[in-house]
Amino acid sequence: MSIKIQEVHGVGDLMRQKLTNKQQNFLDYLEEELNKSGAIPSLRVAAEQLHISHAAVAQFIKTLERKGYLKREGRYSRNIYLLNHLRQPEAKQRWREVPIIGKITAGMPIYAQQEWDGSVVVDGEVYRGQNLFALRVHGDSMKDAGILNEDLVICEPRQYAGNGEIVVALIQFEEATVKRFFLHEGGIELRPENDNYEAVRYPFSDVMVQGKVIGVQRGPEQIN
């Protein structure tokens, strides 16, 4: 069954032009293929399945892009995203899987599957960095920054930090912690966001930044 795009009058719709029947049918086809396989078919596959020429497929895509129903991205415009009424990629094309790291070592986080402690799915339009990783927080030392016990912090791999940034740091090559970073003349201060805990200063050699915290994920079971 074809999936019809419902007319919803909103901000995004003011940017869209009405589709012809053939254009709507082609858009329906892209929606159905996306729902079945999670990906938009290539021009070659689309041409074969619809029994039309590559040129006709390319023209449909060009027209739908101009009218605000999809966008092309990447080298040679090979990546195609269907757009919602706010001209954003549809949710089913935005998700990305981020590994929850069960162990952090000196250097960059370990990405081998055996070191994963599961994974979390996040919105790729929000979290756009490369090689993102997640770490589960234990304790309440960062609660005033909105990071609670058992939250997952989404992190961008990095081995440096600016003053005031919330980072994942490895202390003495053993303990991973999430704290605010401050650089001082004599060392590094890792500062909690909870008055029940005190900031601690370490020699430069004792702290290795592993990543910058760029977001927090909290499961429904953690919300009272």
Protein backbone atom coordinates (compact mmCIF):
# COMPACT_ATOMS: atom_id res chain seq x y z
CA MET A 1 0.00 0.00 0.00
CA SER A 2 1.32 3.44 -0.88
CA ILE A 3 2.11 5.83 1.92
CA LYS A 4 0.47 9.16 1.16
CA ILE A 5 1.93 12.40 2.39
CA GLN A 6 -0.84 14.14 4.32
CA GLU A 7 -1.33 17.85 3.78
CA VAL A 8 -0.61 19.57 7.09
CA HIS A 9 -0.66 23.33 6.98
CA GLY A 10 2.30 24.70 8.85
CA VAL A 11 5.51 26.64 8.44
CA GLY A 12 7.19 23.95 6.36
CA ASP A 13 4.23 23.59 4.02
CA LEU A 14 4.50 27.19 2.94
CA MET A 15 7.81 26.23 1.34
CA ARG A 16 6.43 23.25 -0.58
CA GLN A 17 4.84 23.07 -3.99
CA LYS A 18 2.08 20.64 -4.90
CA LEU A 19 3.15 17.40 -6.57
CA THR A 20 1.79 15.92 -9.76
CA ASN A 21 0.40 12.37 -9.60
CA LYS A 22 3.60 10.93 -11.08
CA GLN A 23 5.78 12.86 -8.65
CA GLN A 24 3.61 11.76 -5.71
CA ASN A 25 3.84 8.12 -6.88
CA PHE A 26 7.61 8.37 -7.03
CA LEU A 27 7.70 9.89 -3.54
CA ASP A 28 5.44 7.06 -2.31
CA TYR A 29 7.88 4.57 -3.80
CA LEU A 30 10.82 6.15 -1.93
CA GLU A 31 8.83 6.09 1.32
CA GLU A 32 7.93 2.42 0.89
CA GLU A 33 11.53 1.43 0.13
CA LEU A 34 12.76 3.40 3.12
CA ASN A 35 10.25 1.67 5.39
CA LYS A 36 11.22 -1.76 4.07
CA SER A 37 15.00 -1.50 4.00
CA GLY A 38 15.86 1.59 6.00
CA ALA A 39 17.55 3.17 2.98
CA ILE A 40 16.72 5.04 -0.19
CA PRO A 41 17.40 2.90 -3.30
CA SER A 42 20.08 3.91 -5.78
CA LEU A 43 19.16 5.47 -9.11
CA ARG A 44 19.92 2.19 -10.85
CA VAL A 45 17.73 0.13 -8.54
CA ALA A 46 14.89 2.66 -8.69
CA ALA A 47 15.03 2.71 -12.49
CA GLU A 48 14.92 -1.11 -12.66
CA GLN A 49 12.06 -1.46 -10.18
CA LEU A 50 9.96 1.29 -11.74
CA HIS A 51 10.84 0.33 -15.34
CA ILE A 52 11.89 3.85 -16.24
CA SER A 53 15.17 5.39 -17.37
CA HIS A 54 17.95 6.65 -15.11
CA ALA A 55 17.32 10.10 -16.53
CA ALA A 56 13.67 9.95 -15.47
CA VAL A 57 14.65 8.94 -11.93
CA ALA A 58 17.20 11.75 -11.76
CA GLN A 59 14.58 14.23 -12.93
CA PHE A 60 12.07 13.08 -10.31
CA ILE A 61 14.71 13.50 -7.59
CA LYS A 62 15.70 16.93 -8.86
CA THR A 63 12.06 18.05 -8.92
CA LEU A 64 11.26 16.68 -5.45
CA GLU A 65 14.33 18.42 -4.09
CA ARG A 66 13.30 21.72 -5.65
CA LYS A 67 9.79 21.38 -4.21
CA GLY A 68 11.09 20.67 -0.71
CA TYR A 69 10.34 16.94 -0.31
CA LEU A 70 13.89 15.62 -0.21
CA LYS A 71 17.48 16.77 -0.16
CA ARG A 72 20.68 15.40 -1.59
CA GLU A 73 23.88 15.44 0.41
CA GLY A 74 27.41 14.16 0.06
CA ARG A 75 29.78 13.66 -2.81
CA TYR A 76 28.00 13.44 -6.15
CA SER A 77 24.70 13.84 -4.17
CA ARG A 78 24.50 10.10 -3.51
CA ASN A 79 22.88 10.48 -0.09
CA ILE A 80 19.17 11.24 -0.34
CA TYR A 81 17.01 12.23 2.63
CA LEU A 82 13.24 12.52 2.66
CA LEU A 83 12.14 15.67 4.44
CA ASN A 84 9.33 16.20 6.91
CA HIS A 85 7.09 19.27 6.91
CA LEU A 86 9.79 21.31 8.69
CA ARG A 87 12.24 20.45 5.90
CA GLN A 88 14.26 18.21 8.22
CA PRO A 89 15.25 14.61 7.40
CA GLU A 90 12.53 12.19 8.52
CA ALA A 91 13.23 10.51 11.86
CA LYS A 92 13.77 7.07 10.36
CA GLN A 93 16.76 8.43 8.44
CA ARG A 94 18.24 10.45 11.29
CA TRP A 95 18.94 7.77 13.87
CA ARG A 96 22.48 6.62 14.62
CA GLU A 97 23.81 4.05 17.02
CA VAL A 98 26.38 5.17 19.60
CA PRO A 99 28.36 2.57 21.57
CA ILE A 100 28.25 2.64 25.35
CA ILE A 101 31.86 2.17 26.33
CA GLY A 102 32.38 -0.26 29.16
CA LYS A 103 36.05 0.56 29.51
CA ILE A 104 38.26 3.54 28.76
CA THR A 105 42.01 3.32 28.44
CA ALA A 106 44.83 5.78 27.82
CA GLY A 107 44.46 7.22 24.36
CA MET A 108 41.16 7.13 22.51
CA PRO A 109 38.15 5.13 23.74
CA ILE A 110 38.09 1.48 22.78
CA TYR A 111 35.57 0.74 20.04
CA ALA A 112 36.04 -3.02 19.76
CA GLN A 113 32.67 -4.76 20.08
CA GLN A 114 33.79 -6.76 23.12
CA GLU A 115 34.35 -3.50 25.01
CA TRP A 116 30.84 -2.23 24.35
CA ASP A 117 28.31 -2.21 27.17
CA GLY A 118 25.45 -1.98 24.72
CA SER A 119 24.52 1.02 22.60
CA VAL A 120 22.12 3.94 22.52
CA VAL A 121 20.26 5.32 19.51
CA VAL A 122 20.43 9.10 19.12
CA ASP A 123 19.25 11.70 16.63
CA GLY A 124 21.94 12.21 14.01
CA GLU A 125 20.68 15.73 13.32
CA VAL A 126 21.51 16.65 16.92
CA TYR A 127 24.65 14.53 17.39
CA ARG A 128 26.68 15.00 14.22
CA GLY A 129 30.24 14.33 15.38
CA GLN A 130 32.39 11.43 14.26
CA ASN A 131 33.14 8.36 16.42
CA LEU A 132 30.84 9.43 19.24
CA PHE A 133 30.70 7.26 22.33
CA ALA A 134 28.52 7.10 25.44
CA LEU A 135 29.48 6.51 29.04
CA ARG A 136 27.17 5.63 31.94
CA VAL A 137 27.48 7.96 34.91
CA HIS A 138 27.67 6.56 38.43
CA GLY A 139 26.98 8.96 41.29
CA ASP A 140 25.49 12.42 41.65
CA SER A 141 28.57 14.66 41.58
CA MET A 142 27.30 16.40 38.39
CA LYS A 143 23.61 16.66 39.29
CA ASP A 144 23.55 20.49 39.23
CA ALA A 145 24.64 20.32 35.60
CA GLY A 146 21.66 18.07 34.86
CA ILE A 147 23.71 14.84 34.79
CA LEU A 148 22.20 12.31 37.18
CA ASN A 149 23.14 8.86 38.43
CA GLU A 150 22.80 6.22 35.68
CA ASP A 151 22.49 8.83 32.91
CA LEU A 152 24.31 8.22 29.66
CA VAL A 153 26.56 11.07 28.60
CA ILE A 154 27.14 11.34 24.84
CA CYS A 155 30.74 12.28 24.15
CA GLU A 156 32.83 13.55 21.30
CA PRO A 157 36.32 12.01 21.33
CA ARG A 158 38.87 14.63 22.24
CA GLN A 159 42.20 14.78 24.04
CA TYR A 160 42.06 18.46 24.95
CA ALA A 161 39.55 20.76 26.68
CA GLY A 162 38.73 24.38 27.31
CA ASN A 163 38.12 25.86 30.73
CA GLY A 164 34.62 25.15 31.98
CA GLU A 165 33.88 22.33 29.54
CA ILE A 166 32.41 19.09 30.88
CA VAL A 167 34.72 16.26 29.95
CA VAL A 168 35.36 12.59 30.42
CA ALA A 169 38.80 12.35 31.96
CA LEU A 170 40.98 9.39 32.82
CA ILE A 171 42.72 9.80 36.18
CA GLN A 172 46.06 8.06 36.69
CA PHE A 173 45.28 5.83 33.68
CA GLU A 174 42.66 3.93 35.71
CA GLU A 175 39.52 5.81 36.76
CA ALA A 176 37.20 7.53 34.27
CA THR A 177 35.25 10.50 35.62
CA VAL A 178 32.90 13.20 34.30
CA LYS A 179 33.73 16.68 35.60
CA ARG A 180 34.24 20.29 34.56
CA PHE A 181 37.77 20.95 33.32
CA PHE A 182 39.94 23.88 34.40
CA LEU A 183 43.56 24.41 33.47
CA HIS A 184 45.85 26.02 36.04
CA GLU A 185 49.51 26.89 35.99
CA GLY A 186 50.40 24.00 38.25
CA GLY A 187 47.97 21.34 37.04
CA ILE A 188 44.41 20.44 36.13
CA GLU A 189 41.30 20.98 38.25
CA LEU A 190 38.34 18.64 37.85
CA ARG A 191 35.32 20.33 39.38
CA PRO A 192 32.01 18.65 40.30
CA GLU A 193 28.58 20.28 39.99
CA ASN A 194 27.33 19.39 43.46
CA ASP A 195 28.12 21.29 46.67
CA ASN A 196 28.57 17.99 48.51
CA TYR A 197 31.74 17.31 46.55
CA GLU A 198 34.98 19.26 46.35
CA ALA A 199 37.04 20.07 43.31
CA VAL A 200 40.33 18.21 43.04
CA ARG A 201 43.55 19.36 41.42
CA TYR A 202 45.90 16.90 39.76
CA PRO A 203 49.35 17.08 38.23
CA PHE A 204 49.25 17.32 34.44
CA SER A 205 50.59 13.79 34.15
CA ASP A 206 47.68 12.32 36.14
CA VAL A 207 44.84 13.48 33.87
CA MET A 208 44.11 12.50 30.29
CA VAL A 209 41.06 14.01 28.61
CA GLN A 210 39.14 11.38 26.64
CA GLY A 211 36.18 13.35 25.34
CA LYS A 212 33.87 16.33 25.64
CA VAL A 213 30.32 15.73 26.89
CA ILE A 214 27.90 17.03 24.25
CA GLY A 215 24.63 15.58 25.51
CA VAL A 216 22.79 13.47 28.07
CA GLN A 217 20.39 10.58 27.52
CA ARG A 218 18.03 9.47 30.30
CA GLY A 219 15.76 6.46 30.19
CA PRO A 220 12.11 6.61 31.25
CA GLU A 221 12.86 4.37 34.22
CA GLN A 222 15.06 7.17 35.64
CA ILE A 223 12.29 9.80 35.61
CA ASN A 224 10.24 10.01 38.80
